[in-house]
Amino acid sequence: MKLSALQDFVAVAERGSLRAAARHTGSKQSAISRSIQELERELGVVLFERLSTGVRLTPIGVVFLRRASTVGNEVRLAQEEVNQIRGETHGQLTVALSSLAHIALLPDAFAPFRASYPHVRIHIIDAGYPTIEADLKESRIDCYIGPMPEEVPPELHMETLFHSTRIIVGRKNHPLAQSRSLRDLVDAEWITASLTHKAEEELGPLFAYHELPPPKLVLQGHSMLTYLSALVHSDLLMMVPRHWTQSPLLRDFIQAIPVRETLPAPPVCLVRRNGLQLTPAAEYFCDMMRRAIPYIDTVSARNG
């Protein structure tokens, strides 16, 4: 099985047509078509349904795409790893960061990483773990840094980075800003993040523990921009890491509602593929994020 055939297959699957795949790869459409036909003959299966508007993966094609994508990503990573070991600073880095990782770690990690790898193209995804688990397993994402999931599959390795606590925040001059207990907030409406596959698992157990009715969840977000836009322009509340109110990007727009109850938070962790080394660039990025941890702990202590 030729690597080029796998690459052509993935290009067609991702772009939905032979013509679009040919434009992307710089090949002739006829060459792409022959490559796919040879691959189907070799496998003895049909990978695509031919439609008037393009192509669509068959059920077998969907399964094969996962394997083919992983092979292609691993080949790319292997080539980048060899080049970077030889001293080159080119390549690609794809990481998924939670809002806390963006706020607390990235500002102090980004500049030193760029200084050492100025030609690496960085792709940062603002996402929670549940939405990117499959991408991690298939090497489309180098690593995830954010709240620790309850469990990870055997293909992935999880490393604890630091512990945090949470606070409740709303917009500046929120009508419930003087509340001092969760009981005062039972009629509020809430934003929930994507810590688990089920939105209700973030706030529900906390309210149940204090014998309160379930919170009214009206918005589940997947990015910091969503959270901030909704908080600033509504009376919604959200439970977030304490570092949010220490960030110069956010502290002028939101305020903490200091309830007396303890608001536990999952540790912040780093998740990566198990058994496979990261490229030197990806490993260096992770190390710079680790080195930012003492700084955020110092800031937290100084701010009480």
C-alpha atoms as a PDB file:
ATOM      1  CA  MET A   1       0.000   0.000   0.000  1.00  0.00           C
ATOM      2  CA  LYS A   2       1.519   3.294  -1.100  1.00  0.00           C
ATOM      3  CA  LEU A   3       1.737   6.230   1.278  1.00  0.00           C
ATOM      4  CA  SER A   4       0.780   8.533  -1.590  1.00  0.00           C
ATOM      5  CA  ALA A   5      -2.444   6.572  -2.062  1.00  0.00           C
ATOM      6  CA  LEU A   6      -3.323   7.029   1.613  1.00  0.00           C
ATOM      7  CA  GLN A   7      -2.602  10.746   1.341  1.00  0.00           C
ATOM      8  CA  ASP A   8      -4.813  11.037  -1.750  1.00  0.00           C
ATOM      9  CA  PHE A   9      -7.588   9.126   0.016  1.00  0.00           C
ATOM     10  CA  VAL A  10      -7.464  11.422   3.051  1.00  0.00           C
ATOM     11  CA  ALA A  11      -7.436  14.515   0.822  1.00  0.00           C
ATOM     12  CA  VAL A  12     -10.560  13.364  -1.020  1.00  0.00           C
ATOM     13  CA  ALA A  13     -12.319  12.350   2.210  1.00  0.00           C
ATOM     14  CA  GLU A  14     -11.617  15.676   3.891  1.00  0.00           C
ATOM     15  CA  ARG A  15     -12.599  17.814   0.891  1.00  0.00           C
ATOM     16  CA  GLY A  16     -15.525  15.847  -0.476  1.00  0.00           C
ATOM     17  CA  SER A  17     -14.508  15.733  -4.118  1.00  0.00           C
ATOM     18  CA  LEU A  18     -11.721  14.665  -6.439  1.00  0.00           C
ATOM     19  CA  ARG A  19     -11.470  18.156  -7.887  1.00  0.00           C
ATOM     20  CA  ALA A  20     -11.011  19.802  -4.479  1.00  0.00           C
ATOM     21  CA  ALA A  21      -8.459  17.166  -3.463  1.00  0.00           C
ATOM     22  CA  ALA A  22      -6.511  17.723  -6.673  1.00  0.00           C
ATOM     23  CA  ARG A  23      -6.389  21.481  -6.047  1.00  0.00           C
ATOM     24  CA  HIS A  24      -5.189  20.879  -2.494  1.00  0.00           C
ATOM     25  CA  THR A  25      -2.455  18.414  -3.414  1.00  0.00           C
ATOM     26  CA  GLY A  26      -1.419  20.081  -6.658  1.00  0.00           C
ATOM     27  CA  SER A  27      -2.085  16.852  -8.592  1.00  0.00           C
ATOM     28  CA  LYS A  28      -4.224  16.138 -11.611  1.00  0.00           C
ATOM     29  CA  GLN A  29      -7.759  14.987 -10.924  1.00  0.00           C
ATOM     30  CA  SER A  30      -7.227  11.932 -13.130  1.00  0.00           C
ATOM     31  CA  ALA A  31      -4.184  10.925 -11.069  1.00  0.00           C
ATOM     32  CA  ILE A  32      -6.165  11.216  -7.838  1.00  0.00           C
ATOM     33  CA  SER A  33      -8.946   9.098  -9.340  1.00  0.00           C
ATOM     34  CA  ARG A  34      -6.509   6.347 -10.389  1.00  0.00           C
ATOM     35  CA  SER A  35      -4.885   6.402  -6.960  1.00  0.00           C
ATOM     36  CA  ILE A  36      -8.242   5.880  -5.226  1.00  0.00           C
ATOM     37  CA  GLN A  37      -9.263   3.114  -7.660  1.00  0.00           C
ATOM     38  CA  GLU A  38      -5.983   1.264  -7.071  1.00  0.00           C
ATOM     39  CA  LEU A  39      -6.419   1.571  -3.321  1.00  0.00           C
ATOM     40  CA  GLU A  40      -9.962   0.195  -3.507  1.00  0.00           C
ATOM     41  CA  ARG A  41      -8.790  -2.728  -5.657  1.00  0.00           C
ATOM     42  CA  GLU A  42      -5.979  -3.481  -3.216  1.00  0.00           C
ATOM     43  CA  LEU A  43      -8.338  -3.444  -0.229  1.00  0.00           C
ATOM     44  CA  GLY A  44     -11.157  -5.191  -2.070  1.00  0.00           C
ATOM     45  CA  VAL A  45     -13.726  -2.671  -0.848  1.00  0.00           C
ATOM     46  CA  VAL A  46     -15.475   0.491  -2.018  1.00  0.00           C
ATOM     47  CA  LEU A  47     -14.325   3.505  -0.051  1.00  0.00           C
ATOM     48  CA  PHE A  48     -16.455   6.219  -1.667  1.00  0.00           C
ATOM     49  CA  GLU A  49     -19.954   6.590  -3.017  1.00  0.00           C
ATOM     50  CA  ARG A  50     -19.824   8.638  -6.212  1.00  0.00           C
ATOM     51  CA  LEU A  51     -22.410  11.448  -6.167  1.00  0.00           C
ATOM     52  CA  SER A  52     -23.311  14.146  -8.659  1.00  0.00           C
ATOM     53  CA  THR A  53     -21.894  16.755  -6.283  1.00  0.00           C
ATOM     54  CA  GLY A  54     -18.751  14.869  -5.288  1.00  0.00           C
ATOM     55  CA  VAL A  55     -18.077  11.788  -3.193  1.00  0.00           C
ATOM     56  CA  ARG A  56     -19.124  10.449   0.199  1.00  0.00           C
ATOM     57  CA  LEU A  57     -17.376   7.891   2.369  1.00  0.00           C
ATOM     58  CA  THR A  58     -18.939   4.453   2.644  1.00  0.00           C
ATOM     59  CA  PRO A  59     -19.208   2.952   6.170  1.00  0.00           C
ATOM     60  CA  ILE A  60     -15.987   1.032   5.476  1.00  0.00           C
ATOM     61  CA  GLY A  61     -14.419   4.232   4.187  1.00  0.00           C
ATOM     62  CA  VAL A  62     -15.238   5.987   7.462  1.00  0.00           C
ATOM     63  CA  VAL A  63     -13.410   3.288   9.420  1.00  0.00           C
ATOM     64  CA  PHE A  64     -10.456   3.284   7.027  1.00  0.00           C
ATOM     65  CA  LEU A  65     -10.158   7.083   7.220  1.00  0.00           C
ATOM     66  CA  ARG A  66      -9.333   6.942  10.931  1.00  0.00           C
ATOM     67  CA  ARG A  67      -6.413   4.594  10.279  1.00  0.00           C
ATOM     68  CA  ALA A  68      -5.225   6.413   7.173  1.00  0.00           C
ATOM     69  CA  SER A  69      -5.283   9.780   8.955  1.00  0.00           C
ATOM     70  CA  THR A  70      -3.241   8.386  11.811  1.00  0.00           C
ATOM     71  CA  VAL A  71      -0.649   6.943   9.421  1.00  0.00           C
ATOM     72  CA  GLY A  72      -0.347  10.228   7.566  1.00  0.00           C
ATOM     73  CA  ASN A  73       0.000  12.242  10.763  1.00  0.00           C
ATOM     74  CA  GLU A  74       2.632   9.883  12.138  1.00  0.00           C
ATOM     75  CA  VAL A  75       4.675  10.108   8.937  1.00  0.00           C
ATOM     76  CA  ARG A  76       4.524  13.920   9.075  1.00  0.00           C
ATOM     77  CA  LEU A  77       5.547  13.920  12.742  1.00  0.00           C
ATOM     78  CA  ALA A  78       8.390  11.490  12.078  1.00  0.00           C
ATOM     79  CA  GLN A  79       9.757  13.734   9.328  1.00  0.00           C
ATOM     80  CA  GLU A  80       9.457  16.844  11.507  1.00  0.00           C
ATOM     81  CA  GLU A  81      11.104  15.052  14.431  1.00  0.00           C
ATOM     82  CA  VAL A  82      14.097  14.042  12.321  1.00  0.00           C
ATOM     83  CA  ASN A  83      14.440  17.547  10.874  1.00  0.00           C
ATOM     84  CA  GLN A  84      14.222  19.197  14.292  1.00  0.00           C
ATOM     85  CA  ILE A  85      16.779  16.803  15.777  1.00  0.00           C
ATOM     86  CA  ARG A  86      19.080  17.876  12.945  1.00  0.00           C
ATOM     87  CA  GLY A  87      18.695  21.456  14.137  1.00  0.00           C
ATOM     88  CA  GLU A  88      15.948  22.785  11.864  1.00  0.00           C
ATOM     89  CA  THR A  89      13.225  24.922  13.449  1.00  0.00           C
ATOM     90  CA  HIS A  90      10.458  24.300  10.939  1.00  0.00           C
ATOM     91  CA  GLY A  91       7.346  22.193  11.367  1.00  0.00           C
ATOM     92  CA  GLN A  92       3.842  22.335  12.739  1.00  0.00           C
ATOM     93  CA  LEU A  93       2.499  22.304  16.290  1.00  0.00           C
ATOM     94  CA  THR A  94      -1.158  21.665  17.093  1.00  0.00           C
ATOM     95  CA  VAL A  95      -2.307  21.926  20.701  1.00  0.00           C
ATOM     96  CA  ALA A  96      -5.665  22.133  22.453  1.00  0.00           C
ATOM     97  CA  LEU A  97      -5.807  24.510  25.415  1.00  0.00           C
ATOM     98  CA  SER A  98      -8.587  25.155  27.881  1.00  0.00           C
ATOM     99  CA  SER A  99      -9.452  28.710  28.893  1.00  0.00           C
ATOM    100  CA  LEU A 100      -7.336  28.331  32.043  1.00  0.00           C
ATOM    101  CA  ALA A 101      -4.293  27.190  30.061  1.00  0.00           C
ATOM    102  CA  HIS A 102      -4.750  30.179  27.732  1.00  0.00           C
ATOM    103  CA  ILE A 103      -4.964  32.632  30.626  1.00  0.00           C
ATOM    104  CA  ALA A 104      -2.517  31.221  33.153  1.00  0.00           C
ATOM    105  CA  LEU A 105       0.219  29.500  31.145  1.00  0.00           C
ATOM    106  CA  LEU A 106       0.326  30.567  27.510  1.00  0.00           C
ATOM    107  CA  PRO A 107       1.355  34.229  28.056  1.00  0.00           C
ATOM    108  CA  ASP A 108       4.628  33.176  29.707  1.00  0.00           C
ATOM    109  CA  ALA A 109       5.273  30.187  27.430  1.00  0.00           C
ATOM    110  CA  PHE A 110       4.636  31.693  24.011  1.00  0.00           C
ATOM    111  CA  ALA A 111       7.591  34.102  23.704  1.00  0.00           C
ATOM    112  CA  PRO A 112      10.346  31.643  24.722  1.00  0.00           C
ATOM    113  CA  PHE A 113       8.871  28.984  22.460  1.00  0.00           C
ATOM    114  CA  ARG A 114       8.856  31.361  19.490  1.00  0.00           C
ATOM    115  CA  ALA A 115      12.430  32.379  20.256  1.00  0.00           C
ATOM    116  CA  SER A 116      13.606  28.773  19.998  1.00  0.00           C
ATOM    117  CA  TYR A 117      11.298  27.657  17.152  1.00  0.00           C
ATOM    118  CA  PRO A 118      10.590  30.798  15.116  1.00  0.00           C
ATOM    119  CA  HIS A 119       9.567  28.916  11.970  1.00  0.00           C
ATOM    120  CA  VAL A 120       7.179  26.379  13.511  1.00  0.00           C
ATOM    121  CA  ARG A 121       3.587  27.071  12.542  1.00  0.00           C
ATOM    122  CA  ILE A 122       1.406  26.975  15.664  1.00  0.00           C
ATOM    123  CA  HIS A 123      -2.237  25.909  15.613  1.00  0.00           C
ATOM    124  CA  ILE A 124      -3.943  26.453  18.992  1.00  0.00           C
ATOM    125  CA  ILE A 125      -7.443  25.089  19.503  1.00  0.00           C
ATOM    126  CA  ASP A 126      -9.623  26.582  22.248  1.00  0.00           C
ATOM    127  CA  ALA A 127     -11.403  23.433  23.391  1.00  0.00           C
ATOM    128  CA  GLY A 128     -12.259  21.122  26.250  1.00  0.00           C
ATOM    129  CA  TYR A 129     -10.989  17.568  26.411  1.00  0.00           C
ATOM    130  CA  PRO A 130     -14.206  15.761  25.353  1.00  0.00           C
ATOM    131  CA  THR A 131     -14.238  17.478  21.967  1.00  0.00           C
ATOM    132  CA  ILE A 132     -10.652  16.595  21.020  1.00  0.00           C
ATOM    133  CA  GLU A 133     -10.042  13.141  22.502  1.00  0.00           C
ATOM    134  CA  ALA A 134     -10.283  11.401  19.126  1.00  0.00           C
ATOM    135  CA  ASP A 135      -7.873  13.917  17.567  1.00  0.00           C
ATOM    136  CA  LEU A 136      -5.321  13.177  20.289  1.00  0.00           C
ATOM    137  CA  LYS A 137      -5.578   9.435  19.726  1.00  0.00           C
ATOM    138  CA  GLU A 138      -5.096   9.876  15.981  1.00  0.00           C
ATOM    139  CA  SER A 139      -2.175  12.347  16.318  1.00  0.00           C
ATOM    140  CA  ARG A 140      -4.046  15.245  14.744  1.00  0.00           C
ATOM    141  CA  ILE A 141      -3.363  17.150  17.976  1.00  0.00           C
ATOM    142  CA  ASP A 142      -0.004  16.958  19.735  1.00  0.00           C
ATOM    143  CA  CYS A 143      -1.284  17.562  23.250  1.00  0.00           C
ATOM    144  CA  TYR A 144      -4.097  18.913  25.398  1.00  0.00           C
ATOM    145  CA  ILE A 145      -3.610  21.129  28.467  1.00  0.00           C
ATOM    146  CA  GLY A 146      -6.610  21.814  30.656  1.00  0.00           C
ATOM    147  CA  PRO A 147      -8.883  20.390  33.367  1.00  0.00           C
ATOM    148  CA  MET A 148      -8.207  16.734  34.048  1.00  0.00           C
ATOM    149  CA  PRO A 149     -10.799  14.364  32.582  1.00  0.00           C
ATOM    150  CA  GLU A 150     -12.169  11.594  34.773  1.00  0.00           C
ATOM    151  CA  GLU A 151     -10.338   9.015  32.696  1.00  0.00           C
ATOM    152  CA  VAL A 152      -8.375   8.682  29.490  1.00  0.00           C
ATOM    153  CA  PRO A 153      -8.128   5.673  27.161  1.00  0.00           C
ATOM    154  CA  PRO A 154      -4.996   3.479  27.149  1.00  0.00           C
ATOM    155  CA  GLU A 155      -3.719   5.187  23.999  1.00  0.00           C
ATOM    156  CA  LEU A 156      -3.214   8.430  25.937  1.00  0.00           C
ATOM    157  CA  HIS A 157      -0.949   9.487  28.803  1.00  0.00           C
ATOM    158  CA  MET A 158      -2.044  12.037  31.413  1.00  0.00           C
ATOM    159  CA  GLU A 159       0.325  14.180  33.511  1.00  0.00           C
ATOM    160  CA  THR A 160      -0.867  16.387  36.372  1.00  0.00           C
ATOM    161  CA  LEU A 161       0.519  19.944  36.117  1.00  0.00           C
ATOM    162  CA  PHE A 162      -1.023  21.893  39.007  1.00  0.00           C
ATOM    163  CA  HIS A 163      -4.077  22.192  41.231  1.00  0.00           C
ATOM    164  CA  SER A 164      -6.581  25.026  41.185  1.00  0.00           C
ATOM    165  CA  THR A 165      -9.779  26.215  42.803  1.00  0.00           C
ATOM    166  CA  ARG A 166     -12.821  27.830  41.268  1.00  0.00           C
ATOM    167  CA  ILE A 167     -14.912  30.931  41.827  1.00  0.00           C
ATOM    168  CA  ILE A 168     -18.260  32.147  40.538  1.00  0.00           C
ATOM    169  CA  VAL A 169     -18.209  35.144  38.222  1.00  0.00           C
ATOM    170  CA  GLY A 170     -20.683  37.394  36.485  1.00  0.00           C
ATOM    171  CA  ARG A 171     -20.552  40.702  34.656  1.00  0.00           C
ATOM    172  CA  LYS A 172     -19.509  43.878  36.393  1.00  0.00           C
ATOM    173  CA  ASN A 173     -22.342  45.242  38.602  1.00  0.00           C
ATOM    174  CA  HIS A 174     -24.213  41.949  38.407  1.00  0.00           C
ATOM    175  CA  PRO A 175     -27.496  42.104  40.407  1.00  0.00           C
ATOM    176  CA  LEU A 176     -26.355  39.083  42.442  1.00  0.00           C
ATOM    177  CA  ALA A 177     -22.867  40.464  43.139  1.00  0.00           C
ATOM    178  CA  GLN A 178     -23.561  40.693  46.900  1.00  0.00           C
ATOM    179  CA  SER A 179     -24.523  37.048  47.230  1.00  0.00           C
ATOM    180  CA  ARG A 180     -22.455  35.035  49.688  1.00  0.00           C
ATOM    181  CA  SER A 181     -23.896  31.548  49.316  1.00  0.00           C
ATOM    182  CA  LEU A 182     -24.915  29.144  46.560  1.00  0.00           C
ATOM    183  CA  ARG A 183     -28.373  29.224  48.107  1.00  0.00           C
ATOM    184  CA  ASP A 184     -28.621  32.876  47.070  1.00  0.00           C
ATOM    185  CA  LEU A 185     -27.998  31.808  43.453  1.00  0.00           C
ATOM    186  CA  VAL A 186     -30.598  29.064  43.005  1.00  0.00           C
ATOM    187  CA  ASP A 187     -32.694  31.255  40.681  1.00  0.00           C
ATOM    188  CA  ALA A 188     -29.737  32.311  38.545  1.00  0.00           C
ATOM    189  CA  GLU A 189     -29.068  31.045  35.027  1.00  0.00           C
ATOM    190  CA  TRP A 190     -25.717  29.476  34.254  1.00  0.00           C
ATOM    191  CA  ILE A 191     -23.099  28.863  31.607  1.00  0.00           C
ATOM    192  CA  THR A 192     -21.380  25.510  31.758  1.00  0.00           C
ATOM    193  CA  ALA A 193     -18.039  24.597  30.224  1.00  0.00           C
ATOM    194  CA  SER A 194     -17.175  21.333  28.507  1.00  0.00           C
ATOM    195  CA  LEU A 195     -15.374  19.511  31.306  1.00  0.00           C
ATOM    196  CA  THR A 196     -17.205  16.260  30.579  1.00  0.00           C
ATOM    197  CA  HIS A 197     -19.415  14.853  27.864  1.00  0.00           C
ATOM    198  CA  LYS A 198     -22.475  15.781  29.991  1.00  0.00           C
ATOM    199  CA  ALA A 199     -22.991  19.475  30.727  1.00  0.00           C
ATOM    200  CA  GLU A 200     -24.967  18.825  33.922  1.00  0.00           C
ATOM    201  CA  GLU A 201     -22.025  17.029  35.544  1.00  0.00           C
ATOM    202  CA  GLU A 202     -20.090  20.255  36.117  1.00  0.00           C
ATOM    203  CA  LEU A 203     -22.506  22.097  38.435  1.00  0.00           C
ATOM    204  CA  GLY A 204     -25.175  19.512  39.254  1.00  0.00           C
ATOM    205  CA  PRO A 205     -23.256  17.491  41.872  1.00  0.00           C
ATOM    206  CA  LEU A 206     -22.119  20.672  43.654  1.00  0.00           C
ATOM    207  CA  PHE A 207     -25.689  21.922  44.046  1.00  0.00           C
ATOM    208  CA  ALA A 208     -26.912  18.458  45.053  1.00  0.00           C
ATOM    209  CA  TYR A 209     -24.181  18.199  47.732  1.00  0.00           C
ATOM    210  CA  HIS A 210     -25.532  21.375  49.338  1.00  0.00           C
ATOM    211  CA  GLU A 211     -29.114  20.094  49.043  1.00  0.00           C
ATOM    212  CA  LEU A 212     -30.054  22.696  46.459  1.00  0.00           C
ATOM    213  CA  PRO A 213     -32.209  22.239  43.338  1.00  0.00           C
ATOM    214  CA  PRO A 214     -30.349  21.643  40.056  1.00  0.00           C
ATOM    215  CA  PRO A 215     -28.903  24.809  38.501  1.00  0.00           C
ATOM    216  CA  LYS A 216     -30.558  26.272  35.419  1.00  0.00           C
ATOM    217  CA  LEU A 217     -28.088  25.572  32.625  1.00  0.00           C
ATOM    218  CA  VAL A 218     -28.928  27.715  29.602  1.00  0.00           C
ATOM    219  CA  LEU A 219     -25.640  27.759  27.690  1.00  0.00           C
ATOM    220  CA  GLN A 220     -22.862  25.240  27.194  1.00  0.00           C
ATOM    221  CA  GLY A 221     -19.779  26.813  25.689  1.00  0.00           C
ATOM    222  CA  HIS A 222     -16.612  25.477  24.102  1.00  0.00           C
ATOM    223  CA  SER A 223     -14.388  28.555  24.000  1.00  0.00           C
ATOM    224  CA  MET A 224     -13.330  31.460  26.173  1.00  0.00           C
ATOM    225  CA  LEU A 225     -14.754  33.933  23.650  1.00  0.00           C
ATOM    226  CA  THR A 226     -18.189  32.336  24.036  1.00  0.00           C
ATOM    227  CA  TYR A 227     -17.956  32.466  27.818  1.00  0.00           C
ATOM    228  CA  LEU A 228     -16.825  36.079  27.954  1.00  0.00           C
ATOM    229  CA  SER A 229     -19.343  37.335  25.378  1.00  0.00           C
ATOM    230  CA  ALA A 230     -22.220  35.671  27.210  1.00  0.00           C
ATOM    231  CA  LEU A 231     -21.087  36.823  30.661  1.00  0.00           C
ATOM    232  CA  VAL A 232     -20.584  40.451  29.706  1.00  0.00           C
ATOM    233  CA  HIS A 233     -23.864  40.828  27.831  1.00  0.00           C
ATOM    234  CA  SER A 234     -26.230  38.986  30.168  1.00  0.00           C
ATOM    235  CA  ASP A 235     -26.904  38.099  33.779  1.00  0.00           C
ATOM    236  CA  LEU A 236     -25.615  34.566  33.326  1.00  0.00           C
ATOM    237  CA  LEU A 237     -23.182  33.218  35.889  1.00  0.00           C
ATOM    238  CA  MET A 238     -20.306  30.790  35.482  1.00  0.00           C
ATOM    239  CA  MET A 239     -17.997  28.798  37.732  1.00  0.00           C
ATOM    240  CA  VAL A 240     -14.428  29.343  36.514  1.00  0.00           C
ATOM    241  CA  PRO A 241     -10.816  28.893  37.714  1.00  0.00           C
ATOM    242  CA  ARG A 242      -9.700  31.607  40.143  1.00  0.00           C
ATOM    243  CA  HIS A 243      -7.053  32.775  37.652  1.00  0.00           C
ATOM    244  CA  TRP A 244      -9.765  34.359  35.505  1.00  0.00           C
ATOM    245  CA  THR A 245     -10.095  37.391  37.779  1.00  0.00           C
ATOM    246  CA  GLN A 246      -6.300  37.840  37.826  1.00  0.00           C
ATOM    247  CA  SER A 247      -6.022  38.096  34.055  1.00  0.00           C
ATOM    248  CA  PRO A 248      -5.597  41.625  32.631  1.00  0.00           C
ATOM    249  CA  LEU A 249      -7.673  40.478  29.651  1.00  0.00           C
ATOM    250  CA  LEU A 250     -10.729  39.688  31.759  1.00  0.00           C
ATOM    251  CA  ARG A 251     -10.663  41.456  35.110  1.00  0.00           C
ATOM    252  CA  ASP A 252     -12.179  44.689  33.784  1.00  0.00           C
ATOM    253  CA  PHE A 253     -15.236  42.860  32.446  1.00  0.00           C
ATOM    254  CA  ILE A 254     -16.157  40.324  35.117  1.00  0.00           C
ATOM    255  CA  GLN A 255     -16.288  40.186  38.890  1.00  0.00           C
ATOM    256  CA  ALA A 256     -16.192  37.403  41.416  1.00  0.00           C
ATOM    257  CA  ILE A 257     -19.178  36.518  43.567  1.00  0.00           C
ATOM    258  CA  PRO A 258     -17.424  35.237  46.704  1.00  0.00           C
ATOM    259  CA  VAL A 259     -19.699  32.506  48.029  1.00  0.00           C
ATOM    260  CA  ARG A 260     -18.659  30.777  51.237  1.00  0.00           C
ATOM    261  CA  GLU A 261     -18.886  27.248  49.857  1.00  0.00           C
ATOM    262  CA  THR A 262     -15.752  25.502  48.627  1.00  0.00           C
ATOM    263  CA  LEU A 263     -15.826  25.132  44.830  1.00  0.00           C
ATOM    264  CA  PRO A 264     -13.597  22.189  43.932  1.00  0.00           C
ATOM    265  CA  ALA A 265     -11.826  22.151  40.603  1.00  0.00           C
ATOM    266  CA  PRO A 266     -10.198  19.288  38.719  1.00  0.00           C
ATOM    267  CA  PRO A 267      -6.395  19.498  38.498  1.00  0.00           C
ATOM    268  CA  VAL A 268      -4.922  20.908  35.315  1.00  0.00           C
ATOM    269  CA  CYS A 269      -3.188  18.228  33.290  1.00  0.00           C
ATOM    270  CA  LEU A 270      -1.340  17.539  30.070  1.00  0.00           C
ATOM    271  CA  VAL A 271      -2.630  14.721  27.842  1.00  0.00           C
ATOM    272  CA  ARG A 272      -0.620  13.265  24.951  1.00  0.00           C
ATOM    273  CA  ARG A 273      -0.276  10.061  22.968  1.00  0.00           C
ATOM    274  CA  ASN A 274       1.038   7.128  24.970  1.00  0.00           C
ATOM    275  CA  GLY A 275       4.213   5.366  23.856  1.00  0.00           C
ATOM    276  CA  LEU A 276       5.164   7.924  21.202  1.00  0.00           C
ATOM    277  CA  GLN A 277       7.527  10.813  21.733  1.00  0.00           C
ATOM    278  CA  LEU A 278       6.472  14.302  20.812  1.00  0.00           C
ATOM    279  CA  THR A 279       8.528  16.175  18.250  1.00  0.00           C
ATOM    280  CA  PRO A 280      11.271  18.341  19.819  1.00  0.00           C
ATOM    281  CA  ALA A 281       9.173  21.439  19.130  1.00  0.00           C
ATOM    282  CA  ALA A 282       6.075  20.001  20.784  1.00  0.00           C
ATOM    283  CA  GLU A 283       8.097  18.757  23.763  1.00  0.00           C
ATOM    284  CA  TYR A 284       9.684  22.185  24.147  1.00  0.00           C
ATOM    285  CA  PHE A 285       6.273  23.868  24.074  1.00  0.00           C
ATOM    286  CA  CYS A 286       5.056  21.544  26.835  1.00  0.00           C
ATOM    287  CA  ASP A 287       8.166  22.317  28.870  1.00  0.00           C
ATOM    288  CA  MET A 288       7.595  26.066  28.524  1.00  0.00           C
ATOM    289  CA  MET A 289       4.017  25.595  29.731  1.00  0.00           C
ATOM    290  CA  ARG A 290       5.331  23.634  32.727  1.00  0.00           C
ATOM    291  CA  ARG A 291       7.831  26.384  33.541  1.00  0.00           C
ATOM    292  CA  ALA A 292       4.998  28.941  33.677  1.00  0.00           C
ATOM    293  CA  ILE A 293       3.404  27.137  36.623  1.00  0.00           C
ATOM    294  CA  PRO A 294       5.609  28.593  39.412  1.00  0.00           C
ATOM    295  CA  TYR A 295       4.839  32.089  38.119  1.00  0.00           C
ATOM    296  CA  ILE A 296       1.065  31.675  38.300  1.00  0.00           C
ATOM    297  CA  ASP A 297       1.351  30.187  41.794  1.00  0.00           C
ATOM    298  CA  THR A 298       3.353  33.265  42.884  1.00  0.00           C
ATOM    299  CA  VAL A 299       0.757  35.635  41.414  1.00  0.00           C
ATOM    300  CA  SER A 300      -2.076  33.724  43.099  1.00  0.00           C
ATOM    301  CA  ALA A 301      -0.351  33.908  46.476  1.00  0.00           C
ATOM    302  CA  ARG A 302       0.322  37.643  46.073  1.00  0.00           C
ATOM    303  CA  ASN A 303      -3.341  38.288  45.214  1.00  0.00           C
ATOM    304  CA  GLY A 304      -4.576  36.253  48.139  1.00  0.00           C
END
